N, C-alpha and C. Protein backbone atom coordinates (compact mmCIF):
# COMPACT_ATOMS: atom_id res chain seq x y z
N MET A 1 13.77 1.00 7.13
CA MET A 1 13.26 1.44 5.85
C MET A 1 12.12 2.41 6.11
N GLU A 2 12.41 3.65 6.02
CA GLU A 2 11.44 4.72 6.25
C GLU A 2 10.81 5.10 4.90
N SER A 3 9.52 5.27 4.85
CA SER A 3 8.82 5.58 3.61
C SER A 3 9.11 7.00 3.14
N GLN A 4 9.11 7.18 1.83
CA GLN A 4 9.25 8.52 1.25
C GLN A 4 7.93 9.30 1.43
N MET A 5 6.82 8.60 1.33
CA MET A 5 5.49 9.21 1.54
C MET A 5 5.23 9.22 3.04
N HIS A 6 4.67 10.30 3.53
CA HIS A 6 4.34 10.33 4.95
C HIS A 6 2.93 10.88 5.12
N TYR A 7 2.15 10.21 5.94
CA TYR A 7 0.78 10.61 6.19
C TYR A 7 0.73 11.45 7.46
N SER A 8 -0.23 12.34 7.55
CA SER A 8 -0.32 13.28 8.67
C SER A 8 -0.60 12.60 10.01
N THR A 9 -1.37 11.52 9.97
CA THR A 9 -1.75 10.86 11.22
C THR A 9 -1.58 9.34 11.09
N VAL A 10 -1.57 8.69 12.23
CA VAL A 10 -1.49 7.24 12.27
C VAL A 10 -2.68 6.64 11.53
N SER A 11 -3.87 7.17 11.76
CA SER A 11 -5.06 6.61 11.11
C SER A 11 -5.02 6.78 9.59
N GLU A 12 -4.46 7.88 9.09
CA GLU A 12 -4.30 8.05 7.64
C GLU A 12 -3.36 7.00 7.08
N ALA A 13 -2.26 6.74 7.78
CA ALA A 13 -1.30 5.72 7.33
C ALA A 13 -1.97 4.35 7.31
N ILE A 14 -2.70 4.00 8.35
CA ILE A 14 -3.37 2.71 8.42
C ILE A 14 -4.39 2.57 7.29
N ASN A 15 -5.20 3.59 7.06
CA ASN A 15 -6.20 3.54 5.99
C ASN A 15 -5.54 3.36 4.62
N ALA A 16 -4.45 4.08 4.37
CA ALA A 16 -3.75 3.97 3.09
C ALA A 16 -3.14 2.58 2.92
N LEU A 17 -2.56 2.05 3.98
CA LEU A 17 -1.97 0.71 3.91
C LEU A 17 -3.05 -0.35 3.68
N ARG A 18 -4.19 -0.21 4.31
CA ARG A 18 -5.29 -1.16 4.09
C ARG A 18 -5.69 -1.18 2.61
N LYS A 19 -5.74 0.00 1.99
CA LYS A 19 -6.08 0.09 0.56
C LYS A 19 -5.01 -0.58 -0.30
N GLN A 20 -3.79 -0.69 0.21
CA GLN A 20 -2.69 -1.33 -0.52
C GLN A 20 -2.62 -2.84 -0.23
N GLY A 21 -3.60 -3.36 0.53
CA GLY A 21 -3.67 -4.79 0.77
C GLY A 21 -3.10 -5.25 2.10
N PHE A 22 -2.68 -4.33 2.97
CA PHE A 22 -2.17 -4.69 4.30
C PHE A 22 -3.36 -4.74 5.25
N THR A 23 -4.05 -5.88 5.25
CA THR A 23 -5.34 -5.97 5.93
C THR A 23 -5.30 -6.68 7.28
N VAL A 24 -4.22 -7.38 7.58
CA VAL A 24 -4.11 -8.13 8.82
C VAL A 24 -3.59 -7.23 9.93
N ASP A 25 -4.08 -7.41 11.14
CA ASP A 25 -3.56 -6.69 12.30
C ASP A 25 -2.57 -7.59 13.03
N PHE A 26 -1.30 -7.20 13.01
CA PHE A 26 -0.28 -7.92 13.75
C PHE A 26 -0.14 -7.33 15.15
N ASN A 27 0.28 -8.17 16.09
CA ASN A 27 0.58 -7.73 17.45
C ASN A 27 2.00 -8.15 17.78
N LEU A 28 2.58 -7.48 18.74
CA LEU A 28 3.95 -7.73 19.12
C LEU A 28 4.00 -8.55 20.39
N GLU A 29 4.81 -9.62 20.38
CA GLU A 29 5.09 -10.40 21.57
C GLU A 29 6.60 -10.38 21.78
N GLU A 30 7.06 -11.01 22.85
CA GLU A 30 8.48 -10.96 23.22
C GLU A 30 9.43 -11.27 22.08
N ASN A 31 9.26 -12.38 21.43
CA ASN A 31 10.22 -12.83 20.43
C ASN A 31 9.65 -12.94 19.03
N CYS A 32 8.48 -12.33 18.80
CA CYS A 32 7.83 -12.50 17.50
C CYS A 32 6.71 -11.48 17.33
N ILE A 33 6.14 -11.49 16.13
CA ILE A 33 4.87 -10.80 15.92
C ILE A 33 3.83 -11.91 15.73
N VAL A 34 2.58 -11.60 16.03
CA VAL A 34 1.54 -12.62 15.96
C VAL A 34 0.30 -12.10 15.24
N HIS A 35 -0.41 -13.06 14.64
CA HIS A 35 -1.73 -12.81 14.06
C HIS A 35 -2.53 -14.07 14.33
N ASP A 36 -3.68 -13.90 14.96
CA ASP A 36 -4.47 -15.04 15.44
C ASP A 36 -3.55 -15.89 16.30
N LEU A 37 -3.38 -17.15 16.00
CA LEU A 37 -2.53 -18.01 16.80
C LEU A 37 -1.17 -18.25 16.15
N LYS A 38 -0.94 -17.67 14.98
CA LYS A 38 0.31 -17.87 14.24
C LYS A 38 1.36 -16.87 14.70
N LYS A 39 2.57 -17.39 14.98
CA LYS A 39 3.68 -16.54 15.42
C LYS A 39 4.72 -16.45 14.30
N TYR A 40 5.27 -15.24 14.14
CA TYR A 40 6.27 -15.00 13.11
C TYR A 40 7.55 -14.49 13.77
N ALA A 41 8.63 -15.25 13.62
CA ALA A 41 9.93 -14.81 14.12
C ALA A 41 10.50 -13.77 13.16
N ALA A 42 11.57 -13.11 13.56
CA ALA A 42 12.15 -12.04 12.75
C ALA A 42 12.45 -12.47 11.32
N GLU A 43 12.90 -13.70 11.14
CA GLU A 43 13.25 -14.16 9.80
C GLU A 43 12.02 -14.55 8.96
N ASP A 44 10.84 -14.54 9.57
CA ASP A 44 9.62 -14.95 8.87
C ASP A 44 8.84 -13.80 8.24
N PHE A 45 9.32 -12.57 8.40
CA PHE A 45 8.60 -11.43 7.82
C PHE A 45 9.57 -10.34 7.40
N GLU A 46 9.08 -9.46 6.54
CA GLU A 46 9.85 -8.29 6.09
C GLU A 46 9.03 -7.04 6.38
N ILE A 47 9.73 -5.99 6.73
CA ILE A 47 9.08 -4.70 6.91
C ILE A 47 9.13 -3.98 5.57
N VAL A 48 7.96 -3.73 5.01
CA VAL A 48 7.85 -3.11 3.70
C VAL A 48 7.95 -1.60 3.82
N ASP A 49 7.39 -1.05 4.87
CA ASP A 49 7.37 0.41 5.07
C ASP A 49 7.22 0.72 6.55
N VAL A 50 7.68 1.91 6.95
CA VAL A 50 7.56 2.36 8.33
C VAL A 50 7.18 3.84 8.32
N TYR A 51 6.24 4.18 9.18
CA TYR A 51 5.83 5.57 9.39
C TYR A 51 5.96 5.86 10.87
N ARG A 52 6.72 6.89 11.22
CA ARG A 52 6.93 7.24 12.63
C ARG A 52 6.26 8.58 12.93
N TYR A 53 5.65 8.64 14.11
CA TYR A 53 4.92 9.84 14.53
C TYR A 53 5.39 10.25 15.92
N GLU A 54 5.71 11.52 16.06
CA GLU A 54 6.15 12.05 17.35
C GLU A 54 5.05 12.92 17.92
N GLY A 55 4.80 12.75 19.21
CA GLY A 55 3.79 13.57 19.87
C GLY A 55 4.28 15.01 20.00
N ASN A 56 3.40 15.95 19.78
CA ASN A 56 3.78 17.37 19.86
C ASN A 56 4.13 17.79 21.27
N SER A 57 3.36 17.32 22.24
CA SER A 57 3.60 17.75 23.61
C SER A 57 3.81 16.60 24.58
N ASP A 58 3.43 15.40 24.18
CA ASP A 58 3.50 14.27 25.09
C ASP A 58 4.25 13.12 24.43
N PRO A 59 5.41 12.72 24.97
CA PRO A 59 6.15 11.60 24.38
C PRO A 59 5.35 10.30 24.32
N ALA A 60 4.33 10.18 25.15
CA ALA A 60 3.48 8.99 25.12
C ALA A 60 2.68 8.90 23.82
N ASP A 61 2.59 10.00 23.09
CA ASP A 61 1.85 10.02 21.83
C ASP A 61 2.69 9.53 20.65
N GLU A 62 3.95 9.17 20.87
CA GLU A 62 4.81 8.72 19.79
C GLU A 62 4.42 7.32 19.37
N ALA A 63 4.40 7.08 18.04
CA ALA A 63 3.99 5.77 17.53
C ALA A 63 4.74 5.46 16.25
N ALA A 64 4.79 4.18 15.92
CA ALA A 64 5.34 3.72 14.65
C ALA A 64 4.32 2.78 14.01
N VAL A 65 4.11 2.94 12.71
CA VAL A 65 3.20 2.09 11.95
C VAL A 65 4.06 1.31 10.95
N TYR A 66 4.01 -0.01 11.04
CA TYR A 66 4.81 -0.88 10.18
C TYR A 66 3.91 -1.59 9.18
N ALA A 67 4.27 -1.54 7.90
CA ALA A 67 3.63 -2.36 6.88
C ALA A 67 4.49 -3.62 6.78
N ILE A 68 3.90 -4.78 7.03
CA ILE A 68 4.64 -6.03 7.15
C ILE A 68 4.10 -7.07 6.19
N GLU A 69 5.03 -7.85 5.60
CA GLU A 69 4.63 -8.98 4.77
C GLU A 69 5.38 -10.21 5.25
N SER A 70 4.64 -11.29 5.50
CA SER A 70 5.25 -12.54 5.93
C SER A 70 5.80 -13.28 4.72
N ARG A 71 6.65 -14.25 4.99
CA ARG A 71 7.20 -15.07 3.90
C ARG A 71 6.09 -15.78 3.13
N SER A 72 4.99 -16.07 3.81
CA SER A 72 3.87 -16.77 3.17
C SER A 72 2.97 -15.81 2.38
N GLY A 73 3.28 -14.50 2.40
CA GLY A 73 2.51 -13.53 1.64
C GLY A 73 1.44 -12.80 2.41
N LEU A 74 1.30 -13.08 3.69
CA LEU A 74 0.31 -12.40 4.52
C LEU A 74 0.77 -10.96 4.74
N LYS A 75 -0.10 -9.99 4.41
CA LYS A 75 0.26 -8.58 4.52
C LYS A 75 -0.57 -7.92 5.61
N GLY A 76 0.11 -7.19 6.50
CA GLY A 76 -0.61 -6.57 7.59
C GLY A 76 0.12 -5.38 8.18
N ILE A 77 -0.42 -4.91 9.29
CA ILE A 77 0.04 -3.69 9.95
C ILE A 77 0.34 -3.98 11.40
N LEU A 78 1.43 -3.41 11.88
CA LEU A 78 1.78 -3.44 13.30
C LEU A 78 1.92 -1.99 13.74
N VAL A 79 1.21 -1.62 14.79
CA VAL A 79 1.33 -0.27 15.36
C VAL A 79 1.92 -0.42 16.75
N THR A 80 3.01 0.31 17.01
CA THR A 80 3.64 0.26 18.32
C THR A 80 3.78 1.66 18.89
N ALA A 81 3.84 1.73 20.19
CA ALA A 81 4.21 2.99 20.85
C ALA A 81 5.70 3.14 20.60
N TYR A 82 6.09 4.12 19.87
CA TYR A 82 7.47 4.30 19.41
C TYR A 82 8.43 4.35 20.58
N GLY A 83 9.39 3.43 20.57
CA GLY A 83 10.43 3.41 21.58
C GLY A 83 10.08 2.68 22.86
N THR A 84 8.83 2.35 23.09
CA THR A 84 8.47 1.71 24.35
C THR A 84 8.37 0.20 24.25
N TYR A 85 8.52 -0.35 23.06
CA TYR A 85 8.35 -1.78 22.88
C TYR A 85 9.62 -2.56 23.17
N THR A 86 10.71 -1.93 23.54
CA THR A 86 12.00 -2.60 23.64
C THR A 86 12.14 -3.49 24.86
N SER A 87 11.43 -3.24 25.91
CA SER A 87 11.56 -4.04 27.12
C SER A 87 11.12 -5.48 26.89
N GLY A 88 12.05 -6.42 27.07
CA GLY A 88 11.73 -7.83 26.93
C GLY A 88 11.74 -8.36 25.51
N MET A 89 12.03 -7.53 24.53
CA MET A 89 12.05 -7.97 23.14
C MET A 89 13.36 -8.68 22.81
N SER A 90 13.30 -9.65 21.93
CA SER A 90 14.52 -10.32 21.48
C SER A 90 15.34 -9.36 20.62
N GLU A 91 16.64 -9.59 20.57
CA GLU A 91 17.52 -8.73 19.78
C GLU A 91 17.14 -8.78 18.30
N ALA A 92 16.76 -9.94 17.80
CA ALA A 92 16.39 -10.08 16.38
C ALA A 92 15.17 -9.24 16.04
N ILE A 93 14.17 -9.27 16.90
CA ILE A 93 12.96 -8.46 16.66
C ILE A 93 13.30 -6.98 16.75
N LEU A 94 14.10 -6.58 17.74
CA LEU A 94 14.47 -5.17 17.87
C LEU A 94 15.22 -4.67 16.64
N LYS A 95 16.13 -5.46 16.13
CA LYS A 95 16.86 -5.07 14.92
C LYS A 95 15.91 -4.94 13.74
N LYS A 96 15.00 -5.86 13.61
CA LYS A 96 14.05 -5.85 12.51
C LYS A 96 13.16 -4.60 12.56
N LEU A 97 12.76 -4.21 13.76
CA LEU A 97 11.88 -3.04 13.92
C LEU A 97 12.66 -1.73 14.00
N GLY A 98 13.97 -1.81 13.93
CA GLY A 98 14.77 -0.60 13.96
C GLY A 98 15.04 -0.08 15.36
N GLY A 99 14.87 -0.92 16.37
CA GLY A 99 15.07 -0.51 17.74
C GLY A 99 16.50 -0.57 18.21
N LYS A 100 17.41 -1.14 17.42
CA LYS A 100 18.82 -1.22 17.80
C LYS A 100 19.68 -0.96 16.62
């Protein structure tokens, strides 16, 4: 689910999402996303929006910003290096993030 609105930079996207109530910082682990000590499997969250950024000269600059909402209503942001998160990820998480 790619957003119709696109922000010029990753930081602009993050700031706009924070204003929309996506205030939690999620992190990516092998088979889930996490916040504090709570782990969320693929079926425990939905991706509300995605913003992808490609580096102009360096592929290492590519990133994806995900607006995520858990089943419990927790809203947050996950930022990944676009395309590099696939190693060791479960198939369910990869499908959810659009990696497969």
